[in-house]
């Protein structure tokens, strides 16, 4: 798989695009669509790496993505970072039962 082929597997592919590019409280509904999406990590990484300024991508609003980019200015590949964090989370003790249901959920990144 290359480029943005992952977009064809996103839960949002059948949604009205206008529902993903909203403001205020409507963003909560848009973010809810991302829950359980099989390509959430790829989507978020694409938005972060591409510095996309509008819309909900990978379960994060533009404001949340800007804050994350400010906190982690030296990241050169968000996909690599998010996949590494997901793998570490899934292999941590006590997460085996949760790993399947959270396989596509990116981890909160601090620091």
N, C-alpha and C. Protein backbone atom coordinates (compact mmCIF):
# COMPACT_ATOMS: atom_id res chain seq x y z
N UNK A 1 0.85 -1.17 0.00
CA UNK A 1 0.00 0.00 0.00
C UNK A 1 0.89 1.23 0.00
N UNK A 2 0.50 2.20 -0.80
CA UNK A 2 1.31 3.40 -0.89
C UNK A 2 0.46 4.64 -0.74
N UNK A 3 1.13 5.76 -0.52
CA UNK A 3 0.45 7.05 -0.50
C UNK A 3 -0.76 7.08 0.40
N UNK A 4 -1.88 7.43 -0.19
CA UNK A 4 -3.12 7.55 0.59
C UNK A 4 -4.11 6.44 0.27
N UNK A 5 -3.63 5.28 -0.17
CA UNK A 5 -4.51 4.15 -0.44
C UNK A 5 -5.33 3.78 0.80
N UNK A 6 -4.80 4.09 1.97
CA UNK A 6 -5.49 3.78 3.21
C UNK A 6 -6.85 4.49 3.26
N UNK A 7 -6.98 5.61 2.58
CA UNK A 7 -8.23 6.37 2.61
C UNK A 7 -9.42 5.60 2.09
N UNK A 8 -9.16 4.63 1.23
CA UNK A 8 -10.24 3.80 0.69
C UNK A 8 -10.83 2.87 1.75
N UNK A 9 -10.11 2.69 2.86
CA UNK A 9 -10.58 1.81 3.93
C UNK A 9 -11.10 2.59 5.14
N UNK A 10 -11.09 3.91 5.06
CA UNK A 10 -11.53 4.74 6.18
C UNK A 10 -13.04 4.71 6.37
N UNK A 11 -13.47 4.78 7.61
CA UNK A 11 -14.90 4.80 7.90
C UNK A 11 -15.57 6.05 7.33
N UNK A 12 -14.79 7.11 7.15
CA UNK A 12 -15.34 8.37 6.67
C UNK A 12 -15.59 8.39 5.16
N UNK A 13 -15.14 7.38 4.45
CA UNK A 13 -15.27 7.40 2.99
C UNK A 13 -16.72 7.49 2.55
N UNK A 14 -17.64 7.05 3.38
CA UNK A 14 -19.06 7.11 3.02
C UNK A 14 -19.76 8.32 3.65
N UNK A 15 -19.03 9.08 4.45
CA UNK A 15 -19.63 10.23 5.12
C UNK A 15 -19.63 11.45 4.19
N UNK A 16 -20.46 12.37 4.51
CA UNK A 16 -20.48 13.65 3.80
C UNK A 16 -19.24 14.42 4.24
N UNK A 17 -18.37 14.80 3.31
CA UNK A 17 -17.15 15.52 3.69
C UNK A 17 -17.41 16.78 4.51
N UNK A 18 -18.56 17.41 4.30
CA UNK A 18 -18.89 18.61 5.07
C UNK A 18 -19.02 18.31 6.56
N UNK A 19 -19.28 17.05 6.91
CA UNK A 19 -19.40 16.67 8.31
C UNK A 19 -18.04 16.58 8.99
N UNK A 20 -16.97 16.48 8.22
CA UNK A 20 -15.63 16.37 8.78
C UNK A 20 -14.91 17.70 8.84
N UNK A 21 -15.45 18.70 8.20
CA UNK A 21 -14.85 20.03 8.17
C UNK A 21 -15.81 21.02 8.81
N UNK A 22 -15.98 20.83 10.12
CA UNK A 22 -16.93 21.61 10.90
C UNK A 22 -16.19 22.32 12.03
N UNK A 23 -16.91 23.18 12.73
CA UNK A 23 -16.31 23.92 13.84
C UNK A 23 -17.12 23.66 15.10
N UNK A 24 -16.52 24.02 16.23
CA UNK A 24 -17.21 23.96 17.51
C UNK A 24 -17.63 22.57 17.93
N UNK A 25 -18.83 22.51 18.54
CA UNK A 25 -19.33 21.25 19.09
C UNK A 25 -19.52 20.17 18.03
N UNK A 26 -19.74 20.57 16.80
CA UNK A 26 -19.92 19.59 15.72
C UNK A 26 -18.67 18.74 15.51
N UNK A 27 -17.52 19.23 15.96
CA UNK A 27 -16.29 18.46 15.83
C UNK A 27 -16.33 17.19 16.67
N UNK A 28 -17.08 17.20 17.76
CA UNK A 28 -17.19 15.99 18.59
C UNK A 28 -17.86 14.87 17.80
N UNK A 29 -18.88 15.21 17.02
CA UNK A 29 -19.54 14.20 16.18
C UNK A 29 -18.58 13.69 15.10
N UNK A 30 -17.82 14.59 14.53
CA UNK A 30 -16.86 14.20 13.49
C UNK A 30 -15.79 13.29 14.08
N UNK A 31 -15.30 13.62 15.26
CA UNK A 31 -14.28 12.79 15.90
C UNK A 31 -14.82 11.41 16.25
N UNK A 32 -16.10 11.33 16.59
CA UNK A 32 -16.71 10.05 16.94
C UNK A 32 -16.68 9.09 15.75
N UNK A 33 -16.76 9.62 14.55
CA UNK A 33 -16.69 8.78 13.36
C UNK A 33 -15.35 8.05 13.28
N UNK A 34 -14.31 8.66 13.82
CA UNK A 34 -12.96 8.08 13.75
C UNK A 34 -12.77 6.91 14.74
N UNK A 35 -13.59 6.82 15.75
CA UNK A 35 -13.45 5.75 16.72
C UNK A 35 -13.62 4.40 16.03
N UNK A 36 -12.66 3.54 16.19
CA UNK A 36 -12.74 2.21 15.60
C UNK A 36 -12.38 2.14 14.12
N UNK A 37 -11.95 3.25 13.55
CA UNK A 37 -11.58 3.24 12.13
C UNK A 37 -10.29 2.45 11.95
N UNK A 38 -10.24 1.55 10.97
CA UNK A 38 -9.05 0.72 10.79
C UNK A 38 -7.82 1.48 10.29
N UNK A 39 -8.01 2.71 9.79
CA UNK A 39 -6.87 3.48 9.28
C UNK A 39 -6.67 4.79 10.04
N UNK A 40 -7.14 4.83 11.25
CA UNK A 40 -7.05 6.06 12.05
C UNK A 40 -5.61 6.55 12.19
N UNK A 41 -4.69 5.64 12.45
CA UNK A 41 -3.29 6.01 12.63
C UNK A 41 -2.72 6.60 11.34
N UNK A 42 -2.97 5.96 10.22
CA UNK A 42 -2.47 6.44 8.94
C UNK A 42 -3.05 7.80 8.60
N UNK A 43 -4.32 7.99 8.87
CA UNK A 43 -5.02 9.24 8.60
C UNK A 43 -4.41 10.37 9.42
N UNK A 44 -4.25 10.13 10.71
CA UNK A 44 -3.67 11.16 11.58
C UNK A 44 -2.24 11.48 11.16
N UNK A 45 -1.45 10.46 10.88
CA UNK A 45 -0.07 10.68 10.46
C UNK A 45 -0.02 11.50 9.17
N UNK A 46 -0.90 11.19 8.24
CA UNK A 46 -0.94 11.94 6.98
C UNK A 46 -1.23 13.41 7.25
N UNK A 47 -2.22 13.68 8.09
CA UNK A 47 -2.58 15.07 8.40
C UNK A 47 -1.44 15.80 9.10
N UNK A 48 -0.76 15.12 10.01
CA UNK A 48 0.36 15.75 10.73
C UNK A 48 1.55 15.97 9.80
N UNK A 49 1.92 14.95 9.04
CA UNK A 49 3.06 15.08 8.13
C UNK A 49 2.80 16.11 7.04
N UNK A 50 1.56 16.24 6.61
CA UNK A 50 1.19 17.17 5.54
C UNK A 50 0.81 18.54 6.07
N UNK A 51 0.77 18.67 7.40
CA UNK A 51 0.40 19.93 8.04
C UNK A 51 -0.97 20.43 7.54
N UNK A 52 -1.92 19.51 7.47
CA UNK A 52 -3.27 19.86 7.05
C UNK A 52 -3.91 20.72 8.14
N UNK A 53 -4.43 21.85 7.73
CA UNK A 53 -4.90 22.84 8.70
C UNK A 53 -6.38 22.78 9.01
N UNK A 54 -7.16 22.06 8.24
CA UNK A 54 -8.61 22.08 8.45
C UNK A 54 -9.17 20.67 8.54
N UNK A 55 -10.25 20.55 9.31
CA UNK A 55 -10.98 19.30 9.40
C UNK A 55 -10.49 18.36 10.48
N UNK A 56 -11.28 17.33 10.70
CA UNK A 56 -10.94 16.27 11.65
C UNK A 56 -10.26 15.16 10.85
N UNK A 57 -9.08 14.79 11.29
CA UNK A 57 -8.29 13.73 10.65
C UNK A 57 -7.78 12.81 11.75
N UNK A 58 -8.01 11.52 11.61
CA UNK A 58 -7.50 10.56 12.58
C UNK A 58 -8.00 10.81 14.00
N UNK A 59 -9.15 11.41 14.12
CA UNK A 59 -9.73 11.65 15.44
C UNK A 59 -9.25 12.91 16.13
N UNK A 60 -8.53 13.76 15.42
CA UNK A 60 -8.03 15.00 16.03
C UNK A 60 -8.49 16.21 15.21
N UNK A 61 -8.83 17.27 15.92
CA UNK A 61 -9.20 18.53 15.26
C UNK A 61 -7.93 19.27 14.86
N UNK A 62 -8.12 20.32 14.07
CA UNK A 62 -6.96 21.11 13.67
C UNK A 62 -6.26 21.73 14.87
N UNK A 63 -7.01 22.14 15.86
CA UNK A 63 -6.41 22.73 17.07
C UNK A 63 -5.58 21.68 17.82
N UNK A 64 -6.10 20.47 17.94
CA UNK A 64 -5.36 19.40 18.62
C UNK A 64 -4.09 19.04 17.85
N UNK A 65 -4.19 19.00 16.52
CA UNK A 65 -3.00 18.69 15.72
C UNK A 65 -1.95 19.78 15.84
N UNK A 66 -2.37 21.04 15.80
CA UNK A 66 -1.40 22.14 15.96
C UNK A 66 -0.69 22.05 17.29
N UNK A 67 -1.42 21.76 18.36
CA UNK A 67 -0.82 21.64 19.69
C UNK A 67 0.18 20.49 19.71
N UNK A 68 -0.16 19.38 19.10
CA UNK A 68 0.74 18.23 19.06
C UNK A 68 2.00 18.56 18.26
N UNK A 69 1.85 19.25 17.14
CA UNK A 69 3.00 19.64 16.34
C UNK A 69 3.92 20.60 17.11
N UNK A 70 3.33 21.48 17.90
CA UNK A 70 4.15 22.38 18.73
C UNK A 70 4.90 21.63 19.81
N UNK A 71 4.25 20.62 20.40
CA UNK A 71 4.90 19.85 21.47
C UNK A 71 6.00 18.95 20.93
N UNK A 72 5.89 18.52 19.69
CA UNK A 72 6.85 17.56 19.12
C UNK A 72 7.42 18.09 17.80
N UNK A 73 8.14 19.22 17.82
CA UNK A 73 8.61 19.84 16.58
C UNK A 73 9.68 19.06 15.83
N UNK A 74 10.32 18.10 16.48
CA UNK A 74 11.41 17.38 15.82
C UNK A 74 10.98 16.09 15.15
N UNK A 75 9.72 15.74 15.22
CA UNK A 75 9.24 14.51 14.59
C UNK A 75 9.31 14.65 13.07
N UNK A 76 9.96 13.70 12.44
CA UNK A 76 10.10 13.73 10.97
C UNK A 76 9.13 12.78 10.28
N UNK A 77 8.66 11.75 10.98
CA UNK A 77 7.68 10.82 10.41
C UNK A 77 6.66 10.48 11.48
N UNK A 78 5.49 11.08 11.36
CA UNK A 78 4.44 10.79 12.34
C UNK A 78 3.94 9.37 12.19
N UNK A 79 3.91 8.83 11.00
CA UNK A 79 3.45 7.45 10.82
C UNK A 79 4.37 6.50 11.58
N UNK A 80 5.65 6.68 11.44
CA UNK A 80 6.60 5.82 12.15
C UNK A 80 6.41 5.96 13.67
N UNK A 81 6.31 7.18 14.16
CA UNK A 81 6.15 7.41 15.60
C UNK A 81 4.85 6.79 16.11
N UNK A 82 3.75 7.02 15.42
CA UNK A 82 2.46 6.50 15.88
C UNK A 82 2.40 4.97 15.82
N UNK A 83 2.96 4.39 14.77
CA UNK A 83 2.97 2.93 14.68
C UNK A 83 3.86 2.32 15.75
N UNK A 84 4.99 2.93 16.03
CA UNK A 84 5.88 2.44 17.09
C UNK A 84 5.19 2.53 18.44
N UNK A 85 4.50 3.63 18.70
CA UNK A 85 3.78 3.80 19.97
C UNK A 85 2.66 2.78 20.10
N UNK A 86 1.94 2.53 19.00
CA UNK A 86 0.85 1.56 19.02
C UNK A 86 1.39 0.16 19.32
N UNK A 87 2.48 -0.21 18.68
CA UNK A 87 3.09 -1.53 18.89
C UNK A 87 3.54 -1.68 20.34
N UNK A 88 4.18 -0.66 20.88
CA UNK A 88 4.64 -0.71 22.27
C UNK A 88 3.45 -0.84 23.23
N UNK A 89 2.38 -0.12 22.95
CA UNK A 89 1.19 -0.18 23.79
C UNK A 89 0.57 -1.57 23.76
N UNK A 90 0.48 -2.14 22.55
CA UNK A 90 -0.15 -3.45 22.40
C UNK A 90 0.68 -4.56 23.05
N UNK A 91 1.98 -4.40 23.13
CA UNK A 91 2.81 -5.46 23.69
C UNK A 91 3.10 -5.25 25.17
N UNK A 92 2.60 -4.18 25.75
CA UNK A 92 2.79 -3.94 27.19
C UNK A 92 1.94 -4.94 27.99
N UNK A 93 2.42 -5.36 29.16
CA UNK A 93 1.66 -6.30 29.99
C UNK A 93 0.26 -5.75 30.29
N UNK A 94 -0.73 -6.64 30.20
CA UNK A 94 -2.10 -6.26 30.53
C UNK A 94 -2.86 -5.62 29.39
N UNK A 95 -2.25 -5.49 28.22
CA UNK A 95 -2.95 -4.87 27.11
C UNK A 95 -3.39 -5.85 26.05
N UNK A 96 -3.07 -7.11 26.20
CA UNK A 96 -3.40 -8.10 25.17
C UNK A 96 -4.89 -8.11 24.86
N UNK A 97 -5.72 -8.07 25.88
CA UNK A 97 -7.16 -8.11 25.66
C UNK A 97 -7.66 -6.84 24.98
N UNK A 98 -7.00 -5.73 25.23
CA UNK A 98 -7.43 -4.47 24.65
C UNK A 98 -6.84 -4.23 23.28
N UNK A 99 -5.78 -4.94 22.92
CA UNK A 99 -5.04 -4.61 21.70
C UNK A 99 -5.89 -4.71 20.44
N UNK A 100 -6.79 -5.66 20.36
CA UNK A 100 -7.60 -5.80 19.16
C UNK A 100 -8.55 -4.63 19.02
N UNK A 101 -9.22 -4.24 20.09
CA UNK A 101 -10.20 -3.18 19.97
C UNK A 101 -9.55 -1.81 19.82
N UNK A 102 -8.31 -1.64 20.21
CA UNK A 102 -7.63 -0.35 20.11
C UNK A 102 -6.52 -0.36 19.08
N UNK A 103 -6.53 -1.32 18.18
CA UNK A 103 -5.42 -1.47 17.24
C UNK A 103 -5.18 -0.23 16.39
N UNK A 104 -6.21 0.51 16.07
CA UNK A 104 -6.01 1.66 15.21
C UNK A 104 -6.01 2.97 15.98
N UNK A 105 -6.16 2.93 17.29
CA UNK A 105 -6.21 4.17 18.06
C UNK A 105 -4.80 4.65 18.38
N UNK A 106 -4.45 5.84 17.87
CA UNK A 106 -3.14 6.36 18.21
C UNK A 106 -3.07 6.71 19.69
N UNK A 107 -1.91 6.57 20.25
CA UNK A 107 -1.73 6.86 21.65
C UNK A 107 -1.55 8.35 21.88
N UNK A 108 -1.97 8.83 23.06
CA UNK A 108 -1.67 10.22 23.36
C UNK A 108 -0.16 10.39 23.51
N UNK A 109 0.38 11.39 22.88
CA UNK A 109 1.81 11.61 22.92
C UNK A 109 2.10 12.80 23.81
N UNK A 110 2.88 12.59 24.83
CA UNK A 110 3.22 13.67 25.75
C UNK A 110 4.69 14.02 25.61
N UNK A 111 5.01 15.21 26.03
CA UNK A 111 6.41 15.64 26.08
C UNK A 111 6.90 16.29 24.91
